[in-house]
Amino acid sequence: MVTVILSHEVKDFANWKKGFDGGEAMRAQAGVKTIGVYASVDNPNAITVITEFPSVEAVKGFLGNPDLQASMEAAGVIGEPDIKILDEV
């Protein structure tokens, strides 16, 4: 199991959350388990999502999916996300 911590800013949390929730089928198909969705206490549009993937290859395939990129753009993601891919030690 691989943990991914992804942080990015969004234009509007409510709009982004609708898009995120709508992507559940895509995440499930990739074997993604969402651990939590968090907003910064200082900026409610600064979002962090913590997930688990079955493998690093699954992470790379998911993040490289053009449908994901289009979905993130439509949901109002601003700029490039900060992504940490972690193995438990």
N, C-alpha and C. Protein backbone atom coordinates (compact mmCIF):
# COMPACT_ATOMS: atom_id res chain seq x y z
N MET A 1 0.85 -1.17 0.00
CA MET A 1 0.00 0.00 0.00
C MET A 1 0.90 1.24 0.00
N VAL A 2 0.52 2.22 -0.79
CA VAL A 2 1.25 3.47 -0.93
C VAL A 2 0.32 4.62 -0.51
N THR A 3 0.82 5.52 0.31
CA THR A 3 0.04 6.68 0.73
C THR A 3 0.42 7.87 -0.13
N VAL A 4 -0.59 8.62 -0.56
CA VAL A 4 -0.36 9.83 -1.35
C VAL A 4 -1.00 11.00 -0.62
N ILE A 5 -0.21 12.06 -0.46
CA ILE A 5 -0.71 13.31 0.11
C ILE A 5 -0.64 14.35 -1.01
N LEU A 6 -1.80 14.83 -1.41
CA LEU A 6 -1.90 15.77 -2.52
C LEU A 6 -2.51 17.07 -2.00
N SER A 7 -1.82 18.17 -2.24
CA SER A 7 -2.32 19.49 -1.81
C SER A 7 -2.38 20.43 -3.00
N HIS A 8 -3.43 21.20 -3.04
CA HIS A 8 -3.56 22.23 -4.09
C HIS A 8 -4.55 23.28 -3.65
N GLU A 9 -4.52 24.38 -4.34
CA GLU A 9 -5.49 25.44 -4.08
C GLU A 9 -6.60 25.33 -5.13
N VAL A 10 -7.80 25.70 -4.72
CA VAL A 10 -8.95 25.66 -5.62
C VAL A 10 -9.63 27.03 -5.62
N LYS A 11 -10.36 27.30 -6.68
CA LYS A 11 -11.05 28.59 -6.78
C LYS A 11 -12.18 28.70 -5.76
N ASP A 12 -12.91 27.59 -5.57
CA ASP A 12 -14.08 27.60 -4.68
C ASP A 12 -14.25 26.19 -4.11
N PHE A 13 -14.16 26.05 -2.79
CA PHE A 13 -14.21 24.73 -2.17
C PHE A 13 -15.49 23.97 -2.53
N ALA A 14 -16.65 24.62 -2.43
CA ALA A 14 -17.92 23.94 -2.68
C ALA A 14 -17.97 23.36 -4.09
N ASN A 15 -17.53 24.12 -5.07
CA ASN A 15 -17.50 23.65 -6.46
C ASN A 15 -16.51 22.50 -6.59
N TRP A 16 -15.32 22.65 -6.00
CA TRP A 16 -14.30 21.60 -6.07
C TRP A 16 -14.82 20.31 -5.44
N LYS A 17 -15.50 20.42 -4.29
CA LYS A 17 -15.98 19.23 -3.57
C LYS A 17 -16.99 18.46 -4.41
N LYS A 18 -17.84 19.16 -5.14
CA LYS A 18 -18.79 18.48 -6.04
C LYS A 18 -18.03 17.68 -7.09
N GLY A 19 -16.99 18.29 -7.65
CA GLY A 19 -16.18 17.59 -8.65
C GLY A 19 -15.44 16.41 -8.04
N PHE A 20 -14.90 16.60 -6.85
CA PHE A 20 -14.17 15.53 -6.17
C PHE A 20 -15.13 14.36 -5.89
N ASP A 21 -16.29 14.65 -5.35
CA ASP A 21 -17.26 13.60 -5.05
C ASP A 21 -17.69 12.88 -6.33
N GLY A 22 -17.80 13.62 -7.42
CA GLY A 22 -18.18 13.03 -8.70
C GLY A 22 -17.12 12.12 -9.28
N GLY A 23 -15.89 12.21 -8.78
CA GLY A 23 -14.79 11.38 -9.27
C GLY A 23 -14.62 10.07 -8.51
N GLU A 24 -15.56 9.73 -7.64
CA GLU A 24 -15.44 8.52 -6.82
C GLU A 24 -15.29 7.26 -7.68
N ALA A 25 -16.05 7.16 -8.75
CA ALA A 25 -15.97 5.96 -9.61
C ALA A 25 -14.58 5.81 -10.23
N MET A 26 -14.01 6.93 -10.66
CA MET A 26 -12.67 6.90 -11.25
C MET A 26 -11.64 6.45 -10.20
N ARG A 27 -11.78 6.95 -8.97
CA ARG A 27 -10.86 6.55 -7.91
C ARG A 27 -11.03 5.08 -7.57
N ALA A 28 -12.27 4.63 -7.47
CA ALA A 28 -12.54 3.23 -7.13
C ALA A 28 -11.97 2.30 -8.19
N GLN A 29 -12.10 2.68 -9.45
CA GLN A 29 -11.58 1.86 -10.54
C GLN A 29 -10.06 1.71 -10.45
N ALA A 30 -9.38 2.73 -9.93
CA ALA A 30 -7.92 2.71 -9.79
C ALA A 30 -7.49 2.07 -8.47
N GLY A 31 -8.45 1.65 -7.64
CA GLY A 31 -8.12 1.04 -6.36
C GLY A 31 -7.74 2.03 -5.29
N VAL A 32 -8.19 3.27 -5.43
CA VAL A 32 -7.84 4.34 -4.50
C VAL A 32 -8.80 4.33 -3.31
N LYS A 33 -8.23 4.43 -2.12
CA LYS A 33 -9.02 4.58 -0.90
C LYS A 33 -8.74 5.97 -0.34
N THR A 34 -9.78 6.78 -0.20
CA THR A 34 -9.62 8.12 0.36
C THR A 34 -9.60 8.03 1.88
N ILE A 35 -8.52 8.51 2.47
CA ILE A 35 -8.36 8.52 3.92
C ILE A 35 -9.01 9.77 4.51
N GLY A 36 -8.82 10.91 3.84
CA GLY A 36 -9.40 12.14 4.34
C GLY A 36 -9.23 13.30 3.37
N VAL A 37 -10.12 14.27 3.50
CA VAL A 37 -10.08 15.52 2.73
C VAL A 37 -10.04 16.64 3.75
N TYR A 38 -9.07 17.54 3.60
CA TYR A 38 -8.85 18.58 4.59
C TYR A 38 -8.74 19.94 3.92
N ALA A 39 -9.21 20.97 4.63
CA ALA A 39 -9.04 22.35 4.20
C ALA A 39 -8.18 23.06 5.25
N SER A 40 -7.32 23.94 4.80
CA SER A 40 -6.48 24.71 5.71
C SER A 40 -7.35 25.59 6.60
N VAL A 41 -6.96 25.72 7.86
CA VAL A 41 -7.70 26.60 8.77
C VAL A 41 -7.53 28.07 8.37
N ASP A 42 -6.45 28.37 7.65
CA ASP A 42 -6.19 29.74 7.23
C ASP A 42 -6.78 30.08 5.86
N ASN A 43 -7.02 29.05 5.05
CA ASN A 43 -7.53 29.27 3.70
C ASN A 43 -8.40 28.08 3.31
N PRO A 44 -9.72 28.21 3.35
CA PRO A 44 -10.60 27.08 3.06
C PRO A 44 -10.51 26.57 1.62
N ASN A 45 -9.81 27.31 0.77
CA ASN A 45 -9.61 26.87 -0.61
C ASN A 45 -8.25 26.20 -0.81
N ALA A 46 -7.51 26.00 0.26
CA ALA A 46 -6.25 25.23 0.22
C ALA A 46 -6.58 23.84 0.73
N ILE A 47 -6.60 22.88 -0.18
CA ILE A 47 -7.11 21.54 0.09
C ILE A 47 -5.97 20.52 0.13
N THR A 48 -6.08 19.57 1.04
CA THR A 48 -5.18 18.42 1.09
C THR A 48 -6.03 17.17 1.10
N VAL A 49 -5.66 16.22 0.23
CA VAL A 49 -6.36 14.94 0.15
C VAL A 49 -5.34 13.85 0.44
N ILE A 50 -5.67 12.96 1.37
CA ILE A 50 -4.80 11.83 1.70
C ILE A 50 -5.49 10.56 1.22
N THR A 51 -4.75 9.78 0.43
CA THR A 51 -5.30 8.56 -0.16
C THR A 51 -4.31 7.42 -0.01
N GLU A 52 -4.81 6.21 -0.23
CA GLU A 52 -3.97 5.02 -0.32
C GLU A 52 -4.20 4.37 -1.68
N PHE A 53 -3.10 3.93 -2.29
CA PHE A 53 -3.13 3.24 -3.57
C PHE A 53 -2.51 1.86 -3.40
N PRO A 54 -2.86 0.91 -4.25
CA PRO A 54 -2.29 -0.42 -4.13
C PRO A 54 -0.80 -0.49 -4.48
N SER A 55 -0.30 0.46 -5.30
CA SER A 55 1.10 0.42 -5.73
C SER A 55 1.52 1.78 -6.28
N VAL A 56 2.82 1.98 -6.42
CA VAL A 56 3.35 3.20 -7.04
C VAL A 56 2.90 3.28 -8.49
N GLU A 57 2.87 2.14 -9.17
CA GLU A 57 2.43 2.12 -10.57
C GLU A 57 0.98 2.60 -10.69
N ALA A 58 0.15 2.20 -9.72
CA ALA A 58 -1.25 2.64 -9.73
C ALA A 58 -1.34 4.16 -9.55
N VAL A 59 -0.49 4.70 -8.69
CA VAL A 59 -0.45 6.16 -8.48
C VAL A 59 -0.09 6.86 -9.77
N LYS A 60 0.99 6.41 -10.38
CA LYS A 60 1.47 7.06 -11.61
C LYS A 60 0.44 6.96 -12.73
N GLY A 61 -0.22 5.81 -12.86
CA GLY A 61 -1.25 5.65 -13.88
C GLY A 61 -2.44 6.56 -13.63
N PHE A 62 -2.84 6.66 -12.37
CA PHE A 62 -3.98 7.51 -12.01
C PHE A 62 -3.65 8.98 -12.25
N LEU A 63 -2.51 9.42 -11.77
CA LEU A 63 -2.14 10.83 -11.92
C LEU A 63 -1.89 11.21 -13.37
N GLY A 64 -1.52 10.25 -14.21
CA GLY A 64 -1.27 10.52 -15.62
C GLY A 64 -2.52 10.42 -16.49
N ASN A 65 -3.65 10.07 -15.89
CA ASN A 65 -4.89 9.90 -16.63
C ASN A 65 -5.41 11.26 -17.11
N PRO A 66 -5.56 11.43 -18.44
CA PRO A 66 -6.06 12.71 -18.95
C PRO A 66 -7.44 13.08 -18.41
N ASP A 67 -8.27 12.07 -18.09
CA ASP A 67 -9.59 12.35 -17.53
C ASP A 67 -9.46 13.01 -16.15
N LEU A 68 -8.46 12.59 -15.37
CA LEU A 68 -8.23 13.20 -14.07
C LEU A 68 -7.83 14.65 -14.24
N GLN A 69 -6.92 14.91 -15.16
CA GLN A 69 -6.47 16.28 -15.40
C GLN A 69 -7.64 17.18 -15.79
N ALA A 70 -8.50 16.69 -16.67
CA ALA A 70 -9.67 17.47 -17.11
C ALA A 70 -10.64 17.69 -15.94
N SER A 71 -10.82 16.67 -15.13
CA SER A 71 -11.71 16.76 -13.98
C SER A 71 -11.20 17.79 -12.97
N MET A 72 -9.90 17.78 -12.71
CA MET A 72 -9.32 18.74 -11.77
C MET A 72 -9.48 20.16 -12.29
N GLU A 73 -9.25 20.34 -13.57
CA GLU A 73 -9.40 21.68 -14.17
C GLU A 73 -10.85 22.15 -14.07
N ALA A 74 -11.79 21.27 -14.38
CA ALA A 74 -13.21 21.63 -14.32
C ALA A 74 -13.65 21.94 -12.89
N ALA A 75 -13.01 21.30 -11.91
CA ALA A 75 -13.37 21.52 -10.51
C ALA A 75 -12.75 22.80 -9.94
N GLY A 76 -11.87 23.44 -10.71
CA GLY A 76 -11.31 24.71 -10.28
C GLY A 76 -9.98 24.63 -9.57
N VAL A 77 -9.22 23.56 -9.81
CA VAL A 77 -7.88 23.47 -9.22
C VAL A 77 -7.00 24.55 -9.83
N ILE A 78 -6.27 25.26 -8.97
CA ILE A 78 -5.39 26.34 -9.40
C ILE A 78 -3.95 25.84 -9.36
N GLY A 79 -3.26 25.93 -10.48
CA GLY A 79 -1.84 25.57 -10.53
C GLY A 79 -1.60 24.08 -10.39
N GLU A 80 -0.34 23.74 -10.21
CA GLU A 80 0.08 22.35 -10.07
C GLU A 80 -0.04 21.90 -8.62
N PRO A 81 -0.56 20.70 -8.38
CA PRO A 81 -0.64 20.20 -7.01
C PRO A 81 0.74 19.81 -6.48
N ASP A 82 0.87 19.85 -5.17
CA ASP A 82 2.05 19.32 -4.49
C ASP A 82 1.70 17.88 -4.13
N ILE A 83 2.48 16.93 -4.64
CA ILE A 83 2.15 15.52 -4.46
C ILE A 83 3.31 14.81 -3.77
N LYS A 84 2.99 14.11 -2.68
CA LYS A 84 3.96 13.29 -1.97
C LYS A 84 3.49 11.85 -2.06
N ILE A 85 4.37 10.97 -2.55
CA ILE A 85 4.08 9.54 -2.64
C ILE A 85 4.96 8.86 -1.60
N LEU A 86 4.31 8.16 -0.64
CA LEU A 86 5.02 7.66 0.52
C LEU A 86 4.82 6.17 0.74
N ASP A 87 5.90 5.49 1.13
CA ASP A 87 5.85 4.11 1.58
C ASP A 87 5.91 4.11 3.09
N GLU A 88 5.12 3.30 3.74
CA GLU A 88 5.20 3.19 5.19
C GLU A 88 6.45 2.42 5.55
N VAL A 89 7.16 2.90 6.56
CA VAL A 89 8.39 2.24 7.00
C VAL A 89 8.29 1.84 8.45
